[in-house]
Amino acid sequence: MMVDKDGNSWKSFWKKAWSWTIAGIQTAIGIGLMFVPGAQGLGVALLASGATSMFSNVLSAMGINSKISSIASSISSIVIGFALLFTTFAAVGANLIGSGAGGVLGGYISEVLGFSFTAGSIIGSIVGSIIGGKIHKLWTGGFKTRADFKTHYNNHGIQWVILV
C-alpha cells in the first residue's frame, strides 16, 4: 500500500476525494439544471444538497468530528430551507427543513439506541425530507400554483379538512 510523507494511505485520499467529487458534481448539475425550463426545482435541490455536502467536507477537512459535522450540515439545510420558503421553490425548502430537523433528531435517537450518530442522521434526514414535503403539500392543499388555488377557491370556497 502506498503511503505519503505524513503517513496517510492513498486509499484514504481517494475516499476523501470521492466525497468532494460527488459534492462538486451535485453542485454543477444543480447549476446546469437551473437553466433548463421545468427542471429548476431539481436544480435548486441539487445545488442545496451539493452546498451542504461541500460544507460537511470542509468541516471534515478541518478535523471536526462527524457528529458536529452532521449537526452543522443539518442546520445549514434548515437555514437554506427557510430561505427557499419565500421563493417559488417553497416545496424544496420544506423538504430541506424536514431533512435538517430529521437529521438532528435521527442522529440523537440513533445515539441513544447505541448506534452511530451519523447513520441515524442520514436515516433521519431521508425520513424528515419526506415528512417536510408532505407537510408542504398539506399546507398548500396540493396546488402547484397560486392560479390553481384561486380557481379552486372561486369554484368551491374555503373547505377545511380534518386529518385523523
Protein backbone atom coordinates (compact mmCIF):
# COMPACT_ATOMS: atom_id res chain seq x y z
CA MET A 1 0.00 0.00 0.00
CA MET A 2 1.26 3.46 -0.89
CA VAL A 3 1.69 5.92 1.96
CA ASP A 4 2.53 9.62 1.64
CA LYS A 5 5.11 11.51 3.73
CA ASP A 6 2.57 12.21 6.52
CA GLY A 7 1.62 8.55 6.86
CA ASN A 8 -1.73 8.80 5.06
CA SER A 9 -2.64 5.98 2.74
CA TRP A 10 -3.74 6.66 -0.81
CA LYS A 11 -6.90 4.70 -0.06
CA SER A 12 -7.97 7.33 2.48
CA PHE A 13 -7.03 10.07 0.00
CA TRP A 14 -9.32 8.64 -2.69
CA LYS A 15 -12.12 8.17 -0.17
CA LYS A 16 -11.89 11.88 0.70
CA ALA A 17 -11.51 12.88 -2.94
CA TRP A 18 -14.62 10.88 -3.83
CA SER A 19 -16.81 12.82 -1.39
CA TRP A 20 -15.53 16.13 -2.77
CA THR A 21 -16.15 14.88 -6.32
CA ILE A 22 -19.74 13.88 -5.57
CA ALA A 23 -20.47 17.24 -3.91
CA GLY A 24 -18.92 19.06 -6.88
CA ILE A 25 -20.94 17.05 -9.40
CA GLN A 26 -24.16 17.70 -7.43
CA THR A 27 -23.44 21.42 -7.40
CA ALA A 28 -22.50 21.56 -11.09
CA ILE A 29 -25.56 19.59 -12.22
CA GLY A 30 -27.75 21.74 -9.96
CA ILE A 31 -26.42 24.93 -11.52
CA GLY A 32 -26.91 23.49 -15.02
CA LEU A 33 -30.48 22.37 -14.34
CA MET A 34 -31.44 25.82 -13.09
CA PHE A 35 -31.25 26.96 -16.72
CA VAL A 36 -33.42 24.10 -18.06
CA PRO A 37 -37.12 25.01 -18.22
CA GLY A 38 -39.13 22.73 -15.95
CA ALA A 39 -36.09 21.37 -14.13
CA GLN A 40 -35.36 24.38 -11.91
CA GLY A 41 -36.80 22.69 -8.80
CA LEU A 42 -34.48 19.73 -9.20
CA GLY A 43 -31.62 22.12 -9.92
CA VAL A 44 -32.25 24.05 -6.70
CA ALA A 45 -32.47 20.80 -4.72
CA LEU A 46 -29.18 19.50 -6.14
CA LEU A 47 -27.49 22.85 -5.62
CA ALA A 48 -28.59 22.97 -1.97
CA SER A 49 -27.58 19.34 -1.47
CA GLY A 50 -24.19 19.93 -3.07
CA ALA A 51 -23.63 23.04 -0.94
CA THR A 52 -24.39 21.20 2.31
CA SER A 53 -22.14 18.32 1.20
CA MET A 54 -19.31 20.75 0.49
CA PHE A 55 -19.87 22.36 3.88
CA SER A 56 -19.66 18.95 5.55
CA ASN A 57 -16.47 18.14 3.61
CA VAL A 58 -14.89 21.42 4.71
CA LEU A 59 -15.70 20.63 8.34
CA SER A 60 -14.22 17.14 7.98
CA ALA A 61 -11.07 18.58 6.40
CA MET A 62 -10.76 20.91 9.39
CA GLY A 63 -10.72 17.86 11.67
CA ILE A 64 -14.15 18.39 13.21
CA ASN A 65 -15.74 15.11 14.30
CA SER A 66 -18.61 13.57 12.33
CA LYS A 67 -21.30 14.30 14.93
CA ILE A 68 -20.63 18.05 14.93
CA SER A 69 -20.31 17.97 11.15
CA SER A 70 -23.69 16.22 10.81
CA ILE A 71 -25.37 18.72 13.12
CA ALA A 72 -23.84 21.67 11.27
CA SER A 73 -24.92 20.20 7.91
CA SER A 74 -28.45 19.72 9.22
CA ILE A 75 -28.57 23.30 10.50
CA SER A 76 -27.36 24.58 7.12
CA SER A 77 -30.16 22.58 5.45
CA ILE A 78 -32.70 24.22 7.75
CA VAL A 79 -31.33 27.71 7.03
CA ILE A 80 -31.31 27.15 3.25
CA GLY A 81 -34.82 25.64 3.52
CA PHE A 82 -36.18 28.70 5.34
CA ALA A 83 -34.68 30.96 2.68
CA LEU A 84 -36.37 28.90 -0.06
CA LEU A 85 -39.77 29.09 1.66
CA PHE A 86 -40.12 32.65 0.38
CA THR A 87 -39.45 31.73 -3.26
CA THR A 88 -41.23 29.67 -5.89
CA PHE A 89 -39.20 26.71 -4.60
CA ALA A 90 -41.03 26.55 -1.26
CA ALA A 91 -41.57 22.80 -1.66
CA VAL A 92 -37.81 22.23 -1.87
CA GLY A 93 -37.41 24.49 1.17
CA ALA A 94 -39.90 22.41 3.15
CA ASN A 95 -38.01 19.25 2.20
CA LEU A 96 -34.72 20.79 3.34
CA ILE A 97 -36.19 21.95 6.66
CA GLY A 98 -37.59 18.46 7.25
CA SER A 99 -34.29 16.93 6.22
CA GLY A 100 -32.30 19.10 8.62
CA ALA A 101 -34.65 18.58 11.55
CA GLY A 102 -34.86 14.86 10.86
CA GLY A 103 -31.08 14.64 10.60
CA VAL A 104 -30.53 16.08 14.07
CA LEU A 105 -33.40 14.14 15.64
CA GLY A 106 -32.46 10.88 13.93
CA GLY A 107 -28.84 11.26 14.98
CA TYR A 108 -29.69 11.67 18.64
CA ILE A 109 -32.24 8.83 18.58
CA SER A 110 -29.67 6.55 16.95
CA GLU A 111 -27.07 7.56 19.52
CA VAL A 112 -29.45 6.86 22.43
CA LEU A 113 -30.14 3.41 20.96
CA GLY A 114 -26.40 2.71 20.87
CA PHE A 115 -25.77 3.21 17.16
CA SER A 116 -23.73 5.75 15.21
CA PHE A 117 -24.94 9.37 15.26
CA THR A 118 -24.05 9.75 11.58
CA ALA A 119 -26.06 6.69 10.50
CA GLY A 120 -29.10 7.92 12.40
CA SER A 121 -28.63 11.36 10.95
CA ILE A 122 -28.69 10.00 7.40
CA ILE A 123 -31.82 7.94 8.03
CA GLY A 124 -33.50 10.82 9.89
CA SER A 125 -32.61 13.19 7.08
CA ILE A 126 -34.35 11.00 4.49
CA VAL A 127 -37.44 10.47 6.64
CA GLY A 128 -37.54 14.15 7.62
CA SER A 129 -37.32 15.23 4.00
CA ILE A 130 -40.33 13.08 3.11
CA ILE A 131 -42.28 14.45 6.09
CA GLY A 132 -41.34 18.04 5.16
CA GLY A 133 -42.68 17.50 1.65
CA LYS A 134 -45.92 16.01 2.97
CA ILE A 135 -46.40 18.93 5.37
CA HIS A 136 -45.85 21.38 2.50
CA LYS A 137 -48.41 19.53 0.40
CA LEU A 138 -50.95 19.65 3.24
CA TRP A 139 -50.19 23.31 3.91
CA THR A 140 -50.68 24.35 0.29
CA GLY A 141 -53.55 21.96 -0.38
CA GLY A 142 -51.52 20.26 -3.09
CA PHE A 143 -51.90 23.20 -5.50
CA LYS A 144 -48.96 23.73 -7.82
CA THR A 145 -49.59 27.44 -8.49
CA ARG A 146 -51.49 30.34 -6.97
CA ALA A 147 -53.74 30.35 -10.04
CA ASP A 148 -54.79 26.75 -9.28
CA PHE A 149 -55.62 27.76 -5.71
CA LYS A 150 -57.55 30.84 -6.87
CA THR A 151 -59.57 28.76 -9.36
CA HIS A 152 -60.37 26.19 -6.66
CA TYR A 153 -61.29 28.90 -4.16
CA ASN A 154 -63.56 30.70 -6.67
CA ASN A 155 -65.34 27.44 -7.52
CA HIS A 156 -65.60 25.85 -4.07
CA GLY A 157 -64.87 28.46 -1.39
CA ILE A 158 -62.79 27.53 1.65
CA GLN A 159 -63.06 23.89 2.72
CA TRP A 160 -61.49 22.73 5.94
CA VAL A 161 -60.08 19.25 6.11
CA ILE A 162 -59.72 17.47 9.43
CA LEU A 163 -56.93 14.91 9.47
CA VAL A 164 -57.49 11.95 11.76
